[in-house]
Amino acid sequence: MDTQLLINSKLLKAQMLLQDITVKAIARNLKWSEATAYRKINGEVACTAPEIQKLVDLLNLNIEAANRIFFNKFVSQKTNSDAAERLLVRGLAAQVSEFYKDPTNQKAFEFWLEDKEEK
């Protein structure tokens, strides 16, 4: 399947407008040239999964909006569902990782684990 069909450029541009995020800001945040950003936003060049995750985070998209933009109607429902699940899991993993970077949270988890093993 042609990867150019996997992005809904109109919805992506609408979200950028709603969030007041420019192509220049996207290029800077994703470490792309502006030309690359324009090509990816217009669907001329496919985005990788990590790039999609960064765009989802930058635009503060929920899973439904991310699905409509990055995995639109040209993708089968199964593929769409799998992609959404991977995106959700990646986001959750990042949040868990960030949570445990806090030493207080890490100690609380260790205490909970010890307590659970004693029972």
Foldseek 3Di string as FASTA:
>chain_A
DQQLVQFDLVLLVVLCVVQVHDLVNLCVQVVHDSVVSVCCSNSVDDDDLVSLLSSCVVSVPDLVSSLCGRGNPVHDPVVSVVSSVVSVVVVVVVVVVVQCVPVVSVVVVVVVVVVVVVD
